């Protein structure tokens, strides 16, 4: 099972998949690494989003990014680079 939070080595394997987004107005964008850690926690524990621990970014932010990344295929690409239990391998 994949370690959460991601190790520096694991993050280095997937970091290039995440586009650099220019900061605009308003609140600073949450880091993709923090969001990915939260998504992996939900997938591995099979918990609901509202049970996401407070050590992660807000649940709504994480869920919206999850939906976006799932829709664009980004999570499938992450799954190819990391052994993600819960994405394409339900029984790890």
PDB file of N, CA and C in Angstrom:
ATOM      1  N   UNK A   1       0.836  -1.175   0.000  1.00  0.00           N
ATOM      2  CA  UNK A   1       0.000   0.000   0.000  1.00  0.00           C
ATOM      3  C   UNK A   1       0.887   1.245   0.000  1.00  0.00           C
ATOM      4  N   UNK A   2       0.434   2.250  -0.666  1.00  0.00           N
ATOM      5  CA  UNK A   2       1.187   3.486  -0.808  1.00  0.00           C
ATOM      6  C   UNK A   2       1.190   4.272   0.498  1.00  0.00           C
ATOM      7  N   UNK A   3       2.333   4.843   0.821  1.00  0.00           N
ATOM      8  CA  UNK A   3       2.470   5.620   2.046  1.00  0.00           C
ATOM      9  C   UNK A   3       1.864   7.014   1.872  1.00  0.00           C
ATOM     10  N   UNK A   4       1.099   7.431   2.877  1.00  0.00           N
ATOM     11  CA  UNK A   4       0.512   8.772   2.868  1.00  0.00           C
ATOM     12  C   UNK A   4       0.982   9.488   4.123  1.00  0.00           C
ATOM     13  N   UNK A   5       1.497  10.693   4.061  1.00  0.00           N
ATOM     14  CA  UNK A   5       1.692  11.484   2.860  1.00  0.00           C
ATOM     15  C   UNK A   5       2.750  10.877   1.956  1.00  0.00           C
ATOM     16  N   UNK A   6       2.674  11.249   0.694  1.00  0.00           N
ATOM     17  CA  UNK A   6       3.619  10.725  -0.285  1.00  0.00           C
ATOM     18  C   UNK A   6       5.048  11.059   0.113  1.00  0.00           C
ATOM     19  N   UNK A   7       5.926  10.110  -0.108  1.00  0.00           N
ATOM     20  CA  UNK A   7       7.338  10.370   0.123  1.00  0.00           C
ATOM     21  C   UNK A   7       7.836  11.315  -0.970  1.00  0.00           C
ATOM     22  N   UNK A   8       8.971  11.924  -0.749  1.00  0.00           N
ATOM     23  CA  UNK A   8       9.545  12.810  -1.764  1.00  0.00           C
ATOM     24  C   UNK A   8       9.819  12.047  -3.056  1.00  0.00           C
ATOM     25  N   UNK A   9      10.245  10.792  -2.939  1.00  0.00           N
ATOM     26  CA  UNK A   9      10.535   9.975  -4.126  1.00  0.00           C
ATOM     27  C   UNK A   9       9.261   9.694  -4.922  1.00  0.00           C
ATOM     28  N   UNK A  10       8.176   9.346  -4.226  1.00  0.00           N
ATOM     29  CA  UNK A  10       6.912   9.094  -4.918  1.00  0.00           C
ATOM     30  C   UNK A  10       6.381  10.367  -5.563  1.00  0.00           C
ATOM     31  N   UNK A  11       6.465  11.477  -4.860  1.00  0.00           N
ATOM     32  CA  UNK A  11       6.000  12.739  -5.419  1.00  0.00           C
ATOM     33  C   UNK A  11       6.814  13.111  -6.652  1.00  0.00           C
ATOM     34  N   UNK A  12       8.113  12.869  -6.617  1.00  0.00           N
ATOM     35  CA  UNK A  12       8.971  13.187  -7.759  1.00  0.00           C
ATOM     36  C   UNK A  12       8.550  12.402  -9.010  1.00  0.00           C
ATOM     37  N   UNK A  13       8.012  11.205  -8.818  1.00  0.00           N
ATOM     38  CA  UNK A  13       7.584  10.371  -9.944  1.00  0.00           C
ATOM     39  C   UNK A  13       6.336  10.911 -10.629  1.00  0.00           C
ATOM     40  N   UNK A  14       5.510  11.669  -9.921  1.00  0.00           N
ATOM     41  CA  UNK A  14       4.255  12.152 -10.508  1.00  0.00           C
ATOM     42  C   UNK A  14       4.181  13.672 -10.648  1.00  0.00           C
ATOM     43  N   UNK A  15       5.102  14.371 -10.085  1.00  0.00           N
ATOM     44  CA  UNK A  15       5.048  15.839 -10.044  1.00  0.00           C
ATOM     45  C   UNK A  15       4.940  16.459 -11.439  1.00  0.00           C
ATOM     46  N   UNK A  16       5.597  15.888 -12.406  1.00  0.00           N
ATOM     47  CA  UNK A  16       5.585  16.463 -13.755  1.00  0.00           C
ATOM     48  C   UNK A  16       4.208  16.378 -14.424  1.00  0.00           C
ATOM     49  N   UNK A  17       3.315  15.566 -13.906  1.00  0.00           N
ATOM     50  CA  UNK A  17       1.967  15.441 -14.470  1.00  0.00           C
ATOM     51  C   UNK A  17       1.089  16.645 -14.146  1.00  0.00           C
ATOM     52  N   UNK A  18       1.431  17.346 -13.090  1.00  0.00           N
ATOM     53  CA  UNK A  18       0.602  18.452 -12.617  1.00  0.00           C
ATOM     54  C   UNK A  18       1.075  19.759 -13.237  1.00  0.00           C
ATOM     55  N   UNK A  19       0.192  20.440 -13.976  1.00  0.00           N
ATOM     56  CA  UNK A  19       0.592  21.680 -14.634  1.00  0.00           C
ATOM     57  C   UNK A  19       0.849  22.792 -13.622  1.00  0.00           C
ATOM     58  N   UNK A  20       1.771  23.649 -13.954  1.00  0.00           N
ATOM     59  CA  UNK A  20       2.037  24.820 -13.109  1.00  0.00           C
ATOM     60  C   UNK A  20       0.953  25.842 -13.419  1.00  0.00           C
ATOM     61  N   UNK A  21       0.229  26.244 -12.392  1.00  0.00           N
ATOM     62  CA  UNK A  21      -0.877  27.185 -12.560  1.00  0.00           C
ATOM     63  C   UNK A  21      -0.429  28.534 -12.026  1.00  0.00           C
ATOM     64  N   UNK A  22      -0.578  29.554 -12.862  1.00  0.00           N
ATOM     65  CA  UNK A  22      -0.211  30.903 -12.441  1.00  0.00           C
ATOM     66  C   UNK A  22      -1.151  31.353 -11.332  1.00  0.00           C
ATOM     67  N   UNK A  23      -0.573  31.953 -10.317  1.00  0.00           N
ATOM     68  CA  UNK A  23      -1.413  32.433  -9.218  1.00  0.00           C
ATOM     69  C   UNK A  23      -2.146  33.685  -9.664  1.00  0.00           C
ATOM     70  N   UNK A  24      -3.396  33.728  -9.346  1.00  0.00           N
ATOM     71  CA  UNK A  24      -4.219  34.877  -9.724  1.00  0.00           C
ATOM     72  C   UNK A  24      -4.659  35.621  -8.486  1.00  0.00           C
ATOM     73  N   UNK A  25      -5.809  36.160  -8.565  1.00  0.00           N
ATOM     74  CA  UNK A  25      -6.371  36.884  -7.433  1.00  0.00           C
ATOM     75  C   UNK A  25      -7.005  35.919  -6.456  1.00  0.00           C
ATOM     76  N   UNK A  26      -7.302  36.428  -5.299  1.00  0.00           N
ATOM     77  CA  UNK A  26      -8.007  35.622  -4.304  1.00  0.00           C
ATOM     78  C   UNK A  26      -7.067  34.775  -3.473  1.00  0.00           C
ATOM     79  N   UNK A  27      -7.623  33.704  -2.947  1.00  0.00           N
ATOM     80  CA  UNK A  27      -6.854  32.817  -2.078  1.00  0.00           C
ATOM     81  C   UNK A  27      -5.784  32.082  -2.869  1.00  0.00           C
ATOM     82  N   UNK A  28      -4.670  31.817  -2.222  1.00  0.00           N
ATOM     83  CA  UNK A  28      -3.632  31.038  -2.913  1.00  0.00           C
ATOM     84  C   UNK A  28      -4.141  29.622  -3.194  1.00  0.00           C
ATOM     85  N   UNK A  29      -3.746  29.078  -4.312  1.00  0.00           N
ATOM     86  CA  UNK A  29      -4.146  27.731  -4.703  1.00  0.00           C
ATOM     87  C   UNK A  29      -3.458  26.722  -3.787  1.00  0.00           C
ATOM     88  N   UNK A  30      -4.217  25.714  -3.327  1.00  0.00           N
ATOM     89  CA  UNK A  30      -3.655  24.633  -2.511  1.00  0.00           C
ATOM     90  C   UNK A  30      -2.710  23.807  -3.365  1.00  0.00           C
ATOM     91  N   UNK A  31      -1.666  23.288  -2.751  1.00  0.00           N
ATOM     92  CA  UNK A  31      -0.676  22.535  -3.521  1.00  0.00           C
ATOM     93  C   UNK A  31      -1.264  21.216  -4.005  1.00  0.00           C
ATOM     94  N   UNK A  32      -0.868  20.840  -5.204  1.00  0.00           N
ATOM     95  CA  UNK A  32      -1.336  19.589  -5.784  1.00  0.00           C
ATOM     96  C   UNK A  32      -0.901  18.396  -4.935  1.00  0.00           C
ATOM     97  N   UNK A  33       0.246  18.498  -4.311  1.00  0.00           N
ATOM     98  CA  UNK A  33       0.727  17.403  -3.467  1.00  0.00           C
ATOM     99  C   UNK A  33      -0.184  17.191  -2.260  1.00  0.00           C
ATOM    100  N   UNK A  34      -0.592  18.275  -1.619  1.00  0.00           N
ATOM    101  CA  UNK A  34      -1.513  18.177  -0.473  1.00  0.00           C
ATOM    102  C   UNK A  34      -2.847  17.565  -0.896  1.00  0.00           C
ATOM    103  N   UNK A  35      -3.345  18.004  -2.033  1.00  0.00           N
ATOM    104  CA  UNK A  35      -4.624  17.507  -2.533  1.00  0.00           C
ATOM    105  C   UNK A  35      -4.513  16.029  -2.890  1.00  0.00           C
ATOM    106  N   UNK A  36      -3.430  15.658  -3.553  1.00  0.00           N
ATOM    107  CA  UNK A  36      -3.241  14.251  -3.920  1.00  0.00           C
ATOM    108  C   UNK A  36      -3.148  13.382  -2.672  1.00  0.00           C
ATOM    109  N   UNK A  37      -2.465  13.846  -1.657  1.00  0.00           N
ATOM    110  CA  UNK A  37      -2.401  13.100  -0.393  1.00  0.00           C
ATOM    111  C   UNK A  37      -3.800  12.878   0.179  1.00  0.00           C
ATOM    112  N   UNK A  38      -4.636  13.894   0.138  1.00  0.00           N
ATOM    113  CA  UNK A  38      -6.001  13.768   0.657  1.00  0.00           C
ATOM    114  C   UNK A  38      -6.818  12.782  -0.176  1.00  0.00           C
ATOM    115  N   UNK A  39      -6.700  12.866  -1.487  1.00  0.00           N
ATOM    116  CA  UNK A  39      -7.421  11.947  -2.369  1.00  0.00           C
ATOM    117  C   UNK A  39      -6.987  10.505  -2.104  1.00  0.00           C
ATOM    118  N   UNK A  40      -5.699  10.300  -1.963  1.00  0.00           N
ATOM    119  CA  UNK A  40      -5.193   8.950  -1.694  1.00  0.00           C
ATOM    120  C   UNK A  40      -5.694   8.437  -0.348  1.00  0.00           C
ATOM    121  N   UNK A  41      -5.783   9.326   0.628  1.00  0.00           N
ATOM    122  CA  UNK A  41      -6.283   8.917   1.943  1.00  0.00           C
ATOM    123  C   UNK A  41      -7.729   8.431   1.823  1.00  0.00           C
ATOM    124  N   UNK A  42      -8.553   9.182   1.110  1.00  0.00           N
ATOM    125  CA  UNK A  42      -9.958   8.802   0.938  1.00  0.00           C
ATOM    126  C   UNK A  42     -10.069   7.471   0.202  1.00  0.00           C
ATOM    127  N   UNK A  43      -9.273   7.303  -0.851  1.00  0.00           N
ATOM    128  CA  UNK A  43      -9.342   6.069  -1.637  1.00  0.00           C
ATOM    129  C   UNK A  43      -8.844   4.862  -0.845  1.00  0.00           C
ATOM    130  N   UNK A  44      -7.791   5.046  -0.086  1.00  0.00           N
ATOM    131  CA  UNK A  44      -7.232   3.913   0.661  1.00  0.00           C
ATOM    132  C   UNK A  44      -8.083   3.535   1.863  1.00  0.00           C
ATOM    133  N   UNK A  45      -8.634   4.506   2.542  1.00  0.00           N
ATOM    134  CA  UNK A  45      -9.419   4.216   3.745  1.00  0.00           C
ATOM    135  C   UNK A  45     -10.876   3.903   3.416  1.00  0.00           C
ATOM    136  N   UNK A  46     -11.280   4.242   2.181  1.00  0.00           N
ATOM    137  CA  UNK A  46     -12.663   4.061   1.751  1.00  0.00           C
ATOM    138  C   UNK A  46     -13.646   4.839   2.642  1.00  0.00           C
ATOM    139  N   UNK A  47     -13.159   5.954   3.159  1.00  0.00           N
ATOM    140  CA  UNK A  47     -14.000   6.847   3.969  1.00  0.00           C
ATOM    141  C   UNK A  47     -14.707   7.845   3.058  1.00  0.00           C
ATOM    142  N   UNK A  48     -15.692   8.492   3.594  1.00  0.00           N
ATOM    143  CA  UNK A  48     -16.413   9.543   2.873  1.00  0.00           C
ATOM    144  C   UNK A  48     -15.609  10.840   2.973  1.00  0.00           C
ATOM    145  N   UNK A  49     -15.847  11.732   2.012  1.00  0.00           N
ATOM    146  CA  UNK A  49     -15.094  12.980   1.965  1.00  0.00           C
ATOM    147  C   UNK A  49     -15.273  13.801   3.233  1.00  0.00           C
ATOM    148  N   UNK A  50     -16.443  13.779   3.828  1.00  0.00           N
ATOM    149  CA  UNK A  50     -16.668  14.609   5.016  1.00  0.00           C
ATOM    150  C   UNK A  50     -15.883  14.106   6.229  1.00  0.00           C
ATOM    151  N   UNK A  51     -15.298  12.927   6.145  1.00  0.00           N
ATOM    152  CA  UNK A  51     -14.476  12.393   7.229  1.00  0.00           C
ATOM    153  C   UNK A  51     -12.982  12.673   7.028  1.00  0.00           C
ATOM    154  N   UNK A  52     -12.662  13.450   6.039  1.00  0.00           N
ATOM    155  CA  UNK A  52     -11.265  13.794   5.768  1.00  0.00           C
ATOM    156  C   UNK A  52     -10.683  14.521   6.984  1.00  0.00           C
ATOM    157  N   UNK A  53      -9.564  14.044   7.525  1.00  0.00           N
ATOM    158  CA  UNK A  53      -8.986  14.695   8.709  1.00  0.00           C
ATOM    159  C   UNK A  53      -8.614  16.157   8.446  1.00  0.00           C
ATOM    160  N   UNK A  54      -8.611  16.935   9.484  1.00  0.00           N
ATOM    161  CA  UNK A  54      -8.324  18.368   9.383  1.00  0.00           C
ATOM    162  C   UNK A  54      -6.880  18.658   8.987  1.00  0.00           C
ATOM    163  N   UNK A  55      -6.030  17.644   8.988  1.00  0.00           N
ATOM    164  CA  UNK A  55      -4.639  17.849   8.578  1.00  0.00           C
ATOM    165  C   UNK A  55      -4.520  18.033   7.065  1.00  0.00           C
ATOM    166  N   UNK A  56      -5.591  17.710   6.339  1.00  0.00           N
ATOM    167  CA  UNK A  56      -5.628  17.879   4.885  1.00  0.00           C
ATOM    168  C   UNK A  56      -6.335  19.182   4.537  1.00  0.00           C
ATOM    169  N   UNK A  57      -6.219  19.620   3.275  1.00  0.00           N
ATOM    170  CA  UNK A  57      -6.982  20.807   2.855  1.00  0.00           C
ATOM    171  C   UNK A  57      -8.484  20.551   2.994  1.00  0.00           C
ATOM    172  N   UNK A  58      -9.310  21.596   2.862  1.00  0.00           N
ATOM    173  CA  UNK A  58     -10.758  21.432   3.004  1.00  0.00           C
ATOM    174  C   UNK A  58     -11.320  20.348   2.076  1.00  0.00           C
ATOM    175  N   UNK A  59     -12.303  19.623   2.589  1.00  0.00           N
ATOM    176  CA  UNK A  59     -12.873  18.497   1.848  1.00  0.00           C
ATOM    177  C   UNK A  59     -13.449  18.919   0.498  1.00  0.00           C
ATOM    178  N   UNK A  60     -14.097  20.069   0.440  1.00  0.00           N
ATOM    179  CA  UNK A  60     -14.686  20.512  -0.821  1.00  0.00           C
ATOM    180  C   UNK A  60     -13.610  20.785  -1.865  1.00  0.00           C
ATOM    181  N   UNK A  61     -12.521  21.403  -1.444  1.00  0.00           N
ATOM    182  CA  UNK A  61     -11.410  21.666  -2.347  1.00  0.00           C
ATOM    183  C   UNK A  61     -10.846  20.360  -2.887  1.00  0.00           C
ATOM    184  N   UNK A  62     -10.648  19.394  -2.009  1.00  0.00           N
ATOM    185  CA  UNK A  62     -10.097  18.106  -2.407  1.00  0.00           C
ATOM    186  C   UNK A  62     -11.040  17.366  -3.344  1.00  0.00           C
ATOM    187  N   UNK A  63     -12.323  17.389  -3.021  1.00  0.00           N
ATOM    188  CA  UNK A  63     -13.295  16.677  -3.851  1.00  0.00           C
ATOM    189  C   UNK A  63     -13.390  17.306  -5.244  1.00  0.00           C
ATOM    190  N   UNK A  64     -13.433  18.627  -5.309  1.00  0.00           N
ATOM    191  CA  UNK A  64     -13.519  19.295  -6.611  1.00  0.00           C
ATOM    192  C   UNK A  64     -12.298  18.994  -7.472  1.00  0.00           C
ATOM    193  N   UNK A  65     -11.126  18.981  -6.858  1.00  0.00           N
ATOM    194  CA  UNK A  65      -9.902  18.661  -7.604  1.00  0.00           C
ATOM    195  C   UNK A  65      -9.921  17.188  -8.026  1.00  0.00           C
ATOM    196  N   UNK A  66     -10.441  16.303  -7.164  1.00  0.00           N
ATOM    197  CA  UNK A  66     -10.575  14.873  -7.498  1.00  0.00           C
ATOM    198  C   UNK A  66     -11.446  14.705  -8.745  1.00  0.00           C
ATOM    199  N   UNK A  67     -12.596  15.363  -8.765  1.00  0.00           N
ATOM    200  CA  UNK A  67     -13.509  15.269  -9.908  1.00  0.00           C
ATOM    201  C   UNK A  67     -12.831  15.781 -11.176  1.00  0.00           C
ATOM    202  N   UNK A  68     -12.146  16.910 -11.055  1.00  0.00           N
ATOM    203  CA  UNK A  68     -11.449  17.495 -12.203  1.00  0.00           C
ATOM    204  C   UNK A  68     -10.372  16.546 -12.729  1.00  0.00           C
ATOM    205  N   UNK A  69      -9.548  16.019 -11.823  1.00  0.00           N
ATOM    206  CA  UNK A  69      -8.458  15.145 -12.240  1.00  0.00           C
ATOM    207  C   UNK A  69      -8.963  13.820 -12.786  1.00  0.00           C
ATOM    208  N   UNK A  70     -10.052  13.317 -12.251  1.00  0.00           N
ATOM    209  CA  UNK A  70     -10.648  12.073 -12.740  1.00  0.00           C
ATOM    210  C   UNK A  70     -11.177  12.285 -14.156  1.00  0.00           C
ATOM    211  N   UNK A  71     -11.840  13.415 -14.356  1.00  0.00           N
ATOM    212  CA  UNK A  71     -12.439  13.744 -15.652  1.00  0.00           C
ATOM    213  C   UNK A  71     -11.373  13.931 -16.740  1.00  0.00           C
ATOM    214  N   UNK A  72     -10.263  14.556 -16.386  1.00  0.00           N
ATOM    215  CA  UNK A  72      -9.218  14.823 -17.376  1.00  0.00           C
ATOM    216  C   UNK A  72      -8.266  13.642 -17.578  1.00  0.00           C
ATOM    217  N   UNK A  73      -8.393  12.611 -16.742  1.00  0.00           N
ATOM    218  CA  UNK A  73      -7.515  11.448 -16.880  1.00  0.00           C
ATOM    219  C   UNK A  73      -6.208  11.565 -16.117  1.00  0.00           C
ATOM    220  N   UNK A  74      -6.044  12.639 -15.374  1.00  0.00           N
ATOM    221  CA  UNK A  74      -4.805  12.837 -14.623  1.00  0.00           C
ATOM    222  C   UNK A  74      -4.595  11.744 -13.577  1.00  0.00           C
ATOM    223  N   UNK A  75      -5.660  11.340 -12.896  1.00  0.00           N
ATOM    224  CA  UNK A  75      -5.513  10.296 -11.880  1.00  0.00           C
ATOM    225  C   UNK A  75      -5.137   8.955 -12.505  1.00  0.00           C
ATOM    226  N   UNK A  76      -5.582   8.707 -13.729  1.00  0.00           N
ATOM    227  CA  UNK A  76      -5.165   7.488 -14.426  1.00  0.00           C
ATOM    228  C   UNK A  76      -3.665   7.524 -14.710  1.00  0.00           C
ATOM    229  N   UNK A  77      -3.160   8.686 -15.076  1.00  0.00           N
ATOM    230  CA  UNK A  77      -1.727   8.836 -15.328  1.00  0.00           C
ATOM    231  C   UNK A  77      -0.925   8.664 -14.045  1.00  0.00           C
ATOM    232  N   UNK A  78      -1.443   9.203 -12.939  1.00  0.00           N
ATOM    233  CA  UNK A  78      -0.791   9.019 -11.638  1.00  0.00           C
ATOM    234  C   UNK A  78      -0.765   7.536 -11.295  1.00  0.00           C
ATOM    235  N   UNK A  79      -1.862   6.856 -11.558  1.00  0.00           N
ATOM    236  CA  UNK A  79      -1.972   5.430 -11.266  1.00  0.00           C
ATOM    237  C   UNK A  79      -0.946   4.609 -12.046  1.00  0.00           C
ATOM    238  N   UNK A  80      -0.595   5.053 -13.239  1.00  0.00           N
ATOM    239  CA  UNK A  80       0.414   4.352 -14.039  1.00  0.00           C
ATOM    240  C   UNK A  80       1.812   4.480 -13.421  1.00  0.00           C
ATOM    241  N   UNK A  81       2.044   5.562 -12.714  1.00  0.00           N
ATOM    242  CA  UNK A  81       3.372   5.807 -12.140  1.00  0.00           C
ATOM    243  C   UNK A  81       3.522   5.347 -10.696  1.00  0.00           C
ATOM    244  N   UNK A  82       2.401   5.237  -9.995  1.00  0.00           N
ATOM    245  CA  UNK A  82       2.427   4.808  -8.589  1.00  0.00           C
ATOM    246  C   UNK A  82       1.471   3.650  -8.387  1.00  0.00           C
ATOM    247  N   UNK A  83       1.776   2.748  -7.479  1.00  0.00           N
ATOM    248  CA  UNK A  83       0.844   1.649  -7.183  1.00  0.00           C
ATOM    249  C   UNK A  83      -0.278   2.139  -6.268  1.00  0.00           C
ATOM    250  N   UNK A  84      -1.315   2.712  -6.861  1.00  0.00           N
ATOM    251  CA  UNK A  84      -2.384   3.322  -6.090  1.00  0.00           C
ATOM    252  C   UNK A  84      -3.488   2.324  -5.797  1.00  0.00           C
ATOM    253  N   UNK A  85      -3.571   1.882  -4.602  1.00  0.00           N
ATOM    254  CA  UNK A  85      -4.685   1.032  -4.197  1.00  0.00           C
ATOM    255  C   UNK A  85      -5.935   1.902  -4.159  1.00  0.00           C
ATOM    256  N   UNK A  86      -6.987   1.437  -4.770  1.00  0.00           N
ATOM    257  CA  UNK A  86      -8.245   2.165  -4.735  1.00  0.00           C
ATOM    258  C   UNK A  86      -8.602   2.821  -6.040  1.00  0.00           C
ATOM    259  N   UNK A  87      -7.631   3.168  -6.871  1.00  0.00           N
ATOM    260  CA  UNK A  87      -7.952   3.786  -8.150  1.00  0.00           C
ATOM    261  C   UNK A  87      -8.332   2.716  -9.174  1.00  0.00           C
ATOM    262  N   UNK A  88      -7.375   1.916  -9.548  1.00  0.00           N
ATOM    263  CA  UNK A  88      -7.649   0.886 -10.539  1.00  0.00           C
ATOM    264  C   UNK A  88      -7.469  -0.504  -9.960  1.00  0.00           C
ATOM    265  N   UNK A  89      -7.029  -0.581  -8.724  1.00  0.00           N
ATOM    266  CA  UNK A  89      -6.753  -1.863  -8.084  1.00  0.00           C
ATOM    267  C   UNK A  89      -7.553  -1.940  -6.781  1.00  0.00           C
ATOM    268  N   UNK A  90      -8.836  -2.275  -6.862  1.00  0.00           N
ATOM    269  CA  UNK A  90      -9.652  -2.238  -5.652  1.00  0.00           C
ATOM    270  C   UNK A  90      -9.205  -3.194  -4.553  1.00  0.00           C
ATOM    271  N   UNK A  91      -8.541  -4.264  -4.888  1.00  0.00           N
ATOM    272  CA  UNK A  91      -8.132  -5.230  -3.855  1.00  0.00           C
ATOM    273  C   UNK A  91      -6.612  -5.242  -3.739  1.00  0.00           C
ATOM    274  N   UNK A  92      -6.083  -4.419  -2.862  1.00  0.00           N
ATOM    275  CA  UNK A  92      -4.627  -4.387  -2.634  1.00  0.00           C
ATOM    276  C   UNK A  92      -4.318  -5.031  -1.303  1.00  0.00           C
TER     277      UNK A  92
END
